């Protein structure tokens, strides 16, 4: 009977593989390798092996991360400067009639000895201070992307995480997606020949304004929300989801979707960063409106001659790929001397079917395997090994996005030393001033 059971299982597996191949473009040999390797999904753990978790930043993304985290740990606290968000999160994570404790100041959360894990879902300009405080308190961290607001923040965070020996996973979850890992492995193993170009397509950002100010809503600590950013009157469009379209708090789609796709480009090249950056703004912001650039082009050049482009689009139909529900292209194209590979969420394609269907050799370079981004983080919390997107990786990927924005803002071609993480040559003095930002008191490094 055992052979018959195996045959049914094998037949079911092949049927599932065929469906997956048709839907995603993943080749059968790759799926069979994944099956042979076995599941790497993290185990939820016993009741005695569930660390205490706190969610800081309880908006939509943070709450989604929290829901993923409670597969492996127990939510003991939620924190947000918006009382309504925090109270809603407490209800969402209630268990057995008990709600996690609600906080408005993340530093109070970090004082608790029973909390071992911090899920950081705050807006971008709060990522680093929360992460630094957590690291110094000895907490392991799952932080949303982009990891930092500035390059200097990343340098400080890398040092703190390594000195305190805590685990940090950056929430660039495409590193735990089979399509992106396969694309990077094929590129690294020269499946498309010598890599010549990478084209990252990003959705265009929002435009709008000028916007009127109004009294801050009851329950929102507007000053704390602004944090290190300049003090301004409350404007609805500066808050919650649309914070990402203001340079005070983020970097537009360059650091939003760009943090995902440029991270994959970074993974495929295996390099620390570009040597030159040249950005061109295609549409200027409306005065008094969203300040991050909505449409732009950027070219990175690496020391080996590879050119890496970032392009935004709203309804272009001439450059290949897939149009999403908003009529925007969103993905990465790797172009080599022997073909191209296009990858996005849910699909991988190539200029020739053989580029995907021919298996990699046993001697081929393979990359870190993670099938569950949050699960990988909790696995590493237990093992104390680095996760798939550790602090250095998160910092370097975010830096690529920050370099793009610095070039766009200065309107200059810039030279970058990826080893020293400093601009060099013409315009270096002006550009190096933008590696960090002035922080409004009391929301400075001293507060954590």
Protein backbone atom coordinates (compact mmCIF):
# COMPACT_ATOMS: atom_id res chain seq x y z
CA UNK A 1 0.00 0.00 0.00
CA UNK A 2 2.84 2.41 0.70
CA UNK A 3 3.97 2.62 -2.97
CA UNK A 4 0.37 3.43 -4.01
CA UNK A 5 0.19 6.20 -1.45
CA UNK A 6 3.48 7.58 -2.75
CA UNK A 7 2.19 7.52 -6.32
CA UNK A 8 -0.94 9.43 -5.38
CA UNK A 9 1.14 11.96 -3.44
CA UNK A 10 3.57 12.32 -6.34
CA UNK A 11 0.75 12.68 -8.84
CA UNK A 12 -0.87 15.34 -6.69
CA UNK A 13 2.45 17.14 -6.34
CA UNK A 14 3.04 17.18 -10.10
CA UNK A 15 -0.50 18.41 -10.69
CA UNK A 16 0.05 21.21 -8.18
CA UNK A 17 3.39 22.04 -9.80
CA UNK A 18 1.79 22.24 -13.22
CA UNK A 19 -0.78 24.67 -11.88
CA UNK A 20 1.90 26.75 -10.16
CA UNK A 21 4.04 26.76 -13.30
CA UNK A 22 1.12 27.93 -15.41
CA UNK A 23 0.19 30.67 -12.96
CA UNK A 24 3.62 32.00 -12.03
CA UNK A 25 6.05 30.86 -14.71
CA UNK A 26 8.19 28.99 -12.17
CA UNK A 27 9.83 26.01 -13.93
CA UNK A 28 9.11 22.43 -12.86
CA UNK A 29 12.75 21.66 -12.01
CA UNK A 30 12.81 24.55 -9.54
CA UNK A 31 9.56 23.46 -7.89
CA UNK A 32 10.87 19.90 -7.59
CA UNK A 33 14.02 21.24 -5.93
CA UNK A 34 11.84 23.12 -3.47
CA UNK A 35 9.86 19.94 -2.75
CA UNK A 36 13.03 17.89 -2.26
CA UNK A 37 14.41 20.49 0.12
CA UNK A 38 11.29 20.24 2.25
CA UNK A 39 9.33 23.01 3.91
CA UNK A 40 11.31 25.72 5.66
CA UNK A 41 8.26 27.23 7.26
CA UNK A 42 8.75 28.19 10.88
CA UNK A 43 7.00 26.12 13.51
CA UNK A 44 4.58 28.06 15.74
CA UNK A 45 6.25 26.59 18.84
CA UNK A 46 4.78 25.35 22.08
CA UNK A 47 3.00 27.48 24.64
CA UNK A 48 6.33 27.80 26.47
CA UNK A 49 8.17 28.82 23.33
CA UNK A 50 6.14 31.86 22.30
CA UNK A 51 8.04 35.11 22.85
CA UNK A 52 6.28 38.29 23.95
CA UNK A 53 5.59 40.63 21.03
CA UNK A 54 4.81 44.35 20.85
CA UNK A 55 3.51 46.23 17.82
CA UNK A 56 4.71 49.83 17.49
CA UNK A 57 2.84 51.63 14.71
CA UNK A 58 -0.66 50.20 14.35
CA UNK A 59 -1.72 51.35 10.89
CA UNK A 60 -2.66 48.98 8.09
CA UNK A 61 0.84 47.69 7.36
CA UNK A 62 1.81 47.38 11.01
CA UNK A 63 -1.40 45.50 11.85
CA UNK A 64 -0.78 43.11 8.94
CA UNK A 65 2.73 42.45 10.25
CA UNK A 66 1.33 41.91 13.73
CA UNK A 67 -1.15 39.33 12.43
CA UNK A 68 1.72 37.50 10.79
CA UNK A 69 3.80 37.65 13.98
CA UNK A 70 1.17 36.18 16.30
CA UNK A 71 1.54 32.85 14.53
CA UNK A 72 4.78 32.57 16.49
CA UNK A 73 4.46 34.82 19.54
CA UNK A 74 1.96 36.48 21.86
CA UNK A 75 0.96 40.12 21.37
CA UNK A 76 1.38 41.76 24.76
CA UNK A 77 1.39 45.46 23.84
CA UNK A 78 0.41 47.84 21.05
CA UNK A 79 1.63 51.41 20.69
CA UNK A 80 0.65 54.32 18.46
CA UNK A 81 0.56 58.12 18.68
CA UNK A 82 -2.97 57.85 17.27
CA UNK A 83 -5.12 56.61 20.14
CA UNK A 84 -7.77 55.32 17.76
CA UNK A 85 -5.25 53.16 15.89
CA UNK A 86 -3.85 51.76 19.14
CA UNK A 87 -7.25 50.92 20.60
CA UNK A 88 -8.38 49.26 17.39
CA UNK A 89 -5.19 47.18 17.35
CA UNK A 90 -5.80 46.13 20.95
CA UNK A 91 -9.22 44.79 19.94
CA UNK A 92 -7.74 43.09 16.85
CA UNK A 93 -5.14 41.24 18.92
CA UNK A 94 -7.37 40.36 21.86
CA UNK A 95 -7.00 36.72 22.86
CA UNK A 96 -9.08 34.69 25.28
CA UNK A 97 -10.84 37.86 26.38
CA UNK A 98 -7.60 39.73 27.13
CA UNK A 99 -6.40 42.70 25.12
CA UNK A 100 -2.74 43.73 24.83
CA UNK A 101 -1.84 46.82 26.82
CA UNK A 102 -2.10 50.13 24.93
CA UNK A 103 0.75 52.66 24.91
CA UNK A 104 1.31 56.03 23.26
CA UNK A 105 5.09 56.29 23.91
CA UNK A 106 7.17 53.44 22.50
CA UNK A 107 9.87 53.94 25.13
CA UNK A 108 7.51 52.63 27.78
CA UNK A 109 7.04 49.47 25.72
CA UNK A 110 10.79 48.93 25.56
CA UNK A 111 11.01 48.95 29.37
CA UNK A 112 8.98 45.74 29.66
CA UNK A 113 11.07 42.64 30.36
CA UNK A 114 8.37 40.28 29.10
CA UNK A 115 8.51 41.74 25.59
CA UNK A 116 11.19 40.15 23.43
CA UNK A 117 10.09 41.10 19.91
CA UNK A 118 9.32 44.52 18.44
CA UNK A 119 7.29 44.77 15.25
CA UNK A 120 7.98 48.25 13.86
CA UNK A 121 5.20 49.45 11.55
CA UNK A 122 5.72 53.19 12.07
CA UNK A 123 6.08 55.75 9.24
CA UNK A 124 9.56 55.87 7.71
CA UNK A 125 10.84 58.83 9.72
CA UNK A 126 10.27 56.90 12.95
CA UNK A 127 11.86 53.59 11.91
CA UNK A 128 15.38 54.34 13.12
CA UNK A 129 14.65 55.83 16.53
CA UNK A 130 12.31 52.96 17.39
CA UNK A 131 14.81 50.39 16.08
CA UNK A 132 17.74 51.98 17.91
CA UNK A 133 15.76 52.05 21.15
CA UNK A 134 14.74 48.42 20.68
CA UNK A 135 18.30 47.30 19.93
CA UNK A 136 19.67 49.11 22.97
CA UNK A 137 16.96 47.45 25.08
CA UNK A 138 18.02 44.03 23.77
CA UNK A 139 14.83 43.41 21.76
CA UNK A 140 14.80 41.58 18.43
CA UNK A 141 13.21 43.61 15.65
CA UNK A 142 11.06 43.11 12.58
CA UNK A 143 11.10 46.53 10.91
CA UNK A 144 9.10 47.73 7.98
CA UNK A 145 10.94 49.04 4.95
CA UNK A 146 12.66 51.24 3.98
CA UNK A 147 14.81 50.56 7.01
CA UNK A 148 15.84 54.21 7.39
CA UNK A 149 15.07 57.79 6.44
CA UNK A 150 18.73 58.62 5.71
CA UNK A 151 21.99 56.84 4.96
CA UNK A 152 23.53 58.03 8.24
CA UNK A 153 20.64 56.48 10.16
CA UNK A 154 21.49 53.15 8.57
CA UNK A 155 25.14 53.43 9.54
CA UNK A 156 24.16 54.07 13.15
CA UNK A 157 21.62 51.25 13.18
CA UNK A 158 24.04 48.66 11.77
CA UNK A 159 26.50 49.52 14.54
CA UNK A 160 23.86 49.30 17.30
CA UNK A 161 22.35 46.02 16.09
CA UNK A 162 25.73 44.33 15.83
CA UNK A 163 27.00 45.68 19.15
CA UNK A 164 23.88 44.53 21.00
CA UNK A 165 23.74 41.21 19.10
CA UNK A 166 20.03 41.47 18.36
CA UNK A 167 18.25 40.03 15.32
CA UNK A 168 16.77 42.48 12.81
CA UNK A 169 14.73 41.51 9.79
CA UNK A 170 13.88 44.21 7.25
CA UNK A 171 10.35 43.85 5.87
CA UNK A 172 11.38 43.60 2.22
CA UNK A 173 9.44 40.36 1.91
CA UNK A 174 10.24 39.77 -1.76
CA UNK A 175 13.43 38.05 -0.53
CA UNK A 176 11.12 35.29 0.70
CA UNK A 177 9.38 34.94 -2.68
CA UNK A 178 10.42 32.09 -5.01
CA UNK A 179 10.07 34.18 -8.18
CA UNK A 180 12.55 36.81 -7.04
CA UNK A 181 15.03 34.32 -5.61
CA UNK A 182 15.01 32.30 -8.84
CA UNK A 183 15.49 35.44 -10.94
CA UNK A 184 18.50 36.50 -8.85
CA UNK A 185 20.04 33.01 -8.94
CA UNK A 186 19.69 32.85 -12.72
CA UNK A 187 21.25 36.29 -13.13
CA UNK A 188 24.12 35.50 -10.77
CA UNK A 189 24.83 32.27 -12.66
CA UNK A 190 24.97 34.13 -15.99
CA UNK A 191 21.87 32.46 -17.42
CA UNK A 192 21.28 35.62 -19.49
CA UNK A 193 24.99 35.96 -20.23
CA UNK A 194 26.83 39.01 -18.97
CA UNK A 195 24.46 41.28 -17.10
CA UNK A 196 24.28 44.66 -18.81
CA UNK A 197 21.18 46.47 -17.54
CA UNK A 198 18.62 46.33 -14.78
CA UNK A 199 15.38 48.26 -15.25
CA UNK A 200 13.21 48.77 -12.18
CA UNK A 201 9.69 49.96 -12.97
CA UNK A 202 7.88 51.71 -10.13
CA UNK A 203 4.38 53.13 -9.86
CA UNK A 204 4.29 56.91 -10.19
CA UNK A 205 3.60 58.74 -6.94
CA UNK A 206 0.77 61.00 -5.93
CA UNK A 207 0.52 64.60 -7.02
CA UNK A 208 -1.70 67.17 -5.43
CA UNK A 209 -1.98 70.33 -3.40
CA UNK A 210 -1.76 72.83 -2.06
CA UNK A 211 -3.42 71.40 1.04
CA UNK A 212 -5.16 73.28 3.82
CA UNK A 213 -4.29 72.86 7.48
CA UNK A 214 -6.83 72.11 10.18
CA UNK A 215 -6.90 71.17 13.88
CA UNK A 216 -5.42 67.74 14.55
CA UNK A 217 -8.04 65.04 15.22
CA UNK A 218 -8.77 64.20 18.83
CA UNK A 219 -6.55 61.38 20.04
CA UNK A 220 -3.68 62.12 17.64
CA UNK A 221 -0.46 63.43 19.21
CA UNK A 222 0.53 65.49 16.18
CA UNK A 223 3.82 66.74 17.63
CA UNK A 224 4.94 63.18 18.45
CA UNK A 225 3.79 62.01 15.01
CA UNK A 226 5.99 64.67 13.36
CA UNK A 227 8.92 63.56 15.49
CA UNK A 228 12.28 64.54 14.03
CA UNK A 229 10.61 66.28 11.04
CA UNK A 230 10.03 70.06 10.98
CA UNK A 231 7.10 71.38 12.98
CA UNK A 232 4.10 72.19 10.75
CA UNK A 233 0.39 72.58 11.30
CA UNK A 234 -1.72 69.47 10.91
CA UNK A 235 -2.55 68.60 7.31
CA UNK A 236 -4.61 65.48 6.72
CA UNK A 237 -2.59 64.53 3.63
CA UNK A 238 0.65 64.46 5.67
CA UNK A 239 -0.66 61.77 7.97
CA UNK A 240 -1.08 57.98 7.93
CA UNK A 241 -1.02 56.37 4.46
CA UNK A 242 0.01 59.46 2.45
CA UNK A 243 3.03 60.29 4.67
CA UNK A 244 5.12 58.43 2.07
CA UNK A 245 4.67 61.21 -0.49
CA UNK A 246 6.45 63.84 1.62
CA UNK A 247 10.23 64.21 1.88
CA UNK A 248 9.83 65.22 5.53
CA UNK A 249 8.76 61.68 6.41
CA UNK A 250 9.74 59.41 3.52
CA UNK A 251 10.93 59.46 -0.09
CA UNK A 252 7.97 58.88 -2.37
CA UNK A 253 7.73 55.73 -4.46
CA UNK A 254 11.54 55.70 -4.66
CA UNK A 255 11.69 54.47 -1.08
CA UNK A 256 8.25 52.85 -0.96
CA UNK A 257 7.97 50.34 -3.82
CA UNK A 258 11.58 51.13 -4.66
CA UNK A 259 12.75 49.63 -1.37
CA UNK A 260 11.34 46.28 -2.57
CA UNK A 261 12.47 46.22 -6.18
CA UNK A 262 15.84 47.91 -5.73
CA UNK A 263 16.56 45.40 -2.97
CA UNK A 264 16.08 42.60 -5.51
CA UNK A 265 18.36 44.39 -7.99
CA UNK A 266 20.90 44.70 -5.19
CA UNK A 267 20.52 40.96 -4.41
CA UNK A 268 21.09 39.99 -8.04
CA UNK A 269 24.27 42.06 -8.44
CA UNK A 270 25.84 41.09 -5.12
CA UNK A 271 27.48 44.50 -4.96
CA UNK A 272 27.56 47.06 -2.13
CA UNK A 273 26.29 49.95 -4.19
CA UNK A 274 26.72 52.03 -7.35
CA UNK A 275 29.63 54.24 -8.33
CA UNK A 276 27.57 56.97 -10.00
CA UNK A 277 23.99 58.18 -9.73
CA UNK A 278 22.18 60.50 -12.11
CA UNK A 279 18.55 61.43 -11.60
CA UNK A 280 16.09 63.41 -13.69
CA UNK A 281 12.78 64.77 -12.36
CA UNK A 282 10.03 64.44 -14.97
CA UNK A 283 7.21 66.18 -13.08
CA UNK A 284 7.79 68.83 -10.44
CA UNK A 285 5.72 68.78 -7.22
CA UNK A 286 2.85 71.22 -6.79
CA UNK A 287 3.89 74.04 -4.41
CA UNK A 288 2.31 73.40 -1.02
CA UNK A 289 1.46 69.83 -2.02
CA UNK A 290 3.16 66.44 -1.86
CA UNK A 291 6.89 67.17 -1.91
CA UNK A 292 8.31 63.82 -3.06
CA UNK A 293 8.77 63.49 -6.81
CA UNK A 294 5.96 61.58 -8.50
CA UNK A 295 7.60 60.85 -11.87
CA UNK A 296 11.34 60.54 -12.43
CA UNK A 297 14.18 58.54 -13.95
CA UNK A 298 17.42 57.50 -12.26
CA UNK A 299 20.52 55.77 -13.62
CA UNK A 300 23.01 53.97 -11.39
CA UNK A 301 26.29 52.73 -12.84
CA UNK A 302 28.34 50.06 -11.07
CA UNK A 303 32.10 49.56 -11.18
CA UNK A 304 31.65 46.54 -13.50
CA UNK A 305 29.75 48.66 -16.04
CA UNK A 306 26.23 47.41 -15.22
CA UNK A 307 23.60 50.13 -15.57
CA UNK A 308 20.63 50.09 -13.22
CA UNK A 309 17.66 52.27 -14.14
CA UNK A 310 14.65 53.31 -12.09
CA UNK A 311 11.66 54.45 -14.12
CA UNK A 312 8.16 55.48 -13.13
CA UNK A 313 5.12 54.99 -15.27
CA UNK A 314 1.38 55.56 -15.17
CA UNK A 315 0.11 54.03 -18.41
CA UNK A 316 3.13 53.22 -20.59
CA UNK A 317 2.54 50.18 -22.80
CA UNK A 318 5.83 50.11 -24.68
CA UNK A 319 8.35 48.64 -22.25
CA UNK A 320 7.21 45.13 -21.43
CA UNK A 321 5.84 43.66 -18.25
CA UNK A 322 2.45 43.63 -16.65
CA UNK A 323 0.06 46.47 -15.97
CA UNK A 324 -1.47 46.45 -12.51
CA UNK A 325 -4.96 47.55 -11.46
CA UNK A 326 -3.91 51.19 -11.50
CA UNK A 327 -2.55 50.96 -15.03
CA UNK A 328 1.04 51.02 -13.77
CA UNK A 329 3.96 48.78 -14.48
CA UNK A 330 5.70 47.32 -11.48
CA UNK A 331 8.65 44.92 -11.61
CA UNK A 332 12.27 44.32 -12.57
CA UNK A 333 13.85 43.45 -15.92
CA UNK A 334 17.37 41.98 -16.01
CA UNK A 335 18.96 42.34 -19.45
CA UNK A 336 22.08 40.43 -20.46
CA UNK A 337 24.07 39.62 -23.57
CA UNK A 338 22.00 36.45 -24.09
CA UNK A 339 18.49 37.48 -23.15
CA UNK A 340 16.32 39.01 -20.45
CA UNK A 341 14.34 37.97 -17.37
CA UNK A 342 11.32 39.93 -16.12
CA UNK A 343 10.09 39.32 -12.57
CA UNK A 344 7.28 40.80 -10.52
CA UNK A 345 5.09 39.62 -7.69
CA UNK A 346 3.41 36.44 -8.81
CA UNK A 347 5.24 35.84 -12.09
CA UNK A 348 8.56 35.39 -13.83
CA UNK A 349 9.11 35.53 -17.62
CA UNK A 350 12.08 35.35 -19.96
CA UNK A 351 13.02 36.20 -23.54
CA UNK A 352 13.34 32.47 -24.25
CA UNK A 353 11.63 29.59 -22.38
CA UNK A 354 14.96 27.75 -22.12
CA UNK A 355 16.31 30.47 -19.83
CA UNK A 356 13.83 29.31 -17.20
CA UNK A 357 13.26 25.63 -18.01
CA UNK A 358 16.92 24.55 -18.09
CA UNK A 359 17.94 23.54 -14.54
CA UNK A 360 20.87 25.15 -12.80
CA UNK A 361 23.84 22.86 -12.29
CA UNK A 362 24.71 21.30 -8.94
CA UNK A 363 27.69 23.69 -8.76
CA UNK A 364 25.63 26.81 -9.33
CA UNK A 365 25.64 29.65 -6.81
CA UNK A 366 22.50 29.50 -4.69
CA UNK A 367 21.01 32.18 -2.46
CA UNK A 368 19.55 32.24 1.04
CA UNK A 369 16.27 30.30 1.06
CA UNK A 370 13.34 31.75 2.98
CA UNK A 371 9.73 30.80 2.25
CA UNK A 372 8.06 32.87 4.96
CA UNK A 373 9.52 36.29 5.78
CA UNK A 374 8.08 36.57 9.29
CA UNK A 375 8.69 32.88 9.90
CA UNK A 376 12.31 33.29 8.87
CA UNK A 377 12.63 36.11 11.40
CA UNK A 378 11.27 34.00 14.26
CA UNK A 379 13.46 31.06 13.21
CA UNK A 380 16.46 33.35 13.49
CA UNK A 381 15.30 34.70 16.85
CA UNK A 382 15.60 31.10 18.07
CA UNK A 383 18.83 30.19 16.25
CA UNK A 384 20.52 33.64 16.50
CA UNK A 385 21.53 33.36 12.85
CA UNK A 386 21.09 36.28 10.45
CA UNK A 387 17.73 36.47 8.64
CA UNK A 388 17.37 36.74 4.89
CA UNK A 389 17.23 40.56 5.01
CA UNK A 390 19.50 41.46 7.92
CA UNK A 391 20.43 44.94 9.08
CA UNK A 392 23.32 45.47 6.64
CA UNK A 393 21.19 44.32 3.71
CA UNK A 394 18.31 46.55 4.74
CA UNK A 395 20.67 49.49 5.14
CA UNK A 396 22.37 49.03 1.77
CA UNK A 397 19.07 48.55 -0.07
CA UNK A 398 17.59 51.65 1.55
CA UNK A 399 20.77 53.57 0.75
CA UNK A 400 20.30 52.83 -2.95
CA UNK A 401 16.90 54.55 -2.75
CA UNK A 402 18.27 57.48 -0.74
CA UNK A 403 21.07 57.96 -3.29
CA UNK A 404 18.45 58.20 -6.03
CA UNK A 405 16.53 60.87 -4.13
CA UNK A 406 19.65 62.89 -3.35
CA UNK A 407 20.55 62.99 -7.03
CA UNK A 408 16.98 63.93 -7.97
CA UNK A 409 16.88 66.72 -5.40
CA UNK A 410 20.25 68.15 -6.39
CA UNK A 411 19.69 67.68 -10.12
CA UNK A 412 23.28 66.51 -10.46
CA UNK A 413 25.23 63.44 -11.48
CA UNK A 414 26.99 62.22 -8.35
CA UNK A 415 29.93 59.96 -7.59
CA UNK A 416 29.60 57.51 -4.69
CA UNK A 417 32.17 55.42 -2.83
CA UNK A 418 30.20 52.31 -1.74
CA UNK A 419 32.95 51.12 0.60
CA UNK A 420 33.28 54.37 2.55
CA UNK A 421 29.64 55.33 1.97
CA UNK A 422 30.53 58.87 1.00
CA UNK A 423 30.11 61.06 -2.08
CA UNK A 424 33.28 62.02 -3.90
CA UNK A 425 34.29 64.41 -6.64
CA UNK A 426 32.28 67.34 -7.91
CA UNK A 427 29.24 68.27 -5.79
CA UNK A 428 30.42 65.93 -3.00
CA UNK A 429 30.28 68.61 -0.31
CA UNK A 430 26.66 69.44 -1.02
CA UNK A 431 25.64 65.80 -1.48
CA UNK A 432 27.34 64.59 1.71
CA UNK A 433 25.26 67.06 3.72
CA UNK A 434 22.20 65.05 2.61
CA UNK A 435 23.52 61.76 3.97
CA UNK A 436 21.93 62.86 7.25
CA UNK A 437 19.21 65.33 8.29
CA UNK A 438 18.81 67.79 11.11
CA UNK A 439 16.50 66.28 13.73
CA UNK A 440 13.99 68.43 15.59
CA UNK A 441 14.40 68.37 19.38
CA UNK A 442 13.53 66.47 21.50
CA UNK A 443 13.11 63.78 18.81
CA UNK A 444 16.83 63.13 18.36
CA UNK A 445 19.12 60.18 18.99
CA UNK A 446 19.34 61.24 22.64
CA UNK A 447 15.66 60.32 23.24
CA UNK A 448 16.50 56.58 22.98
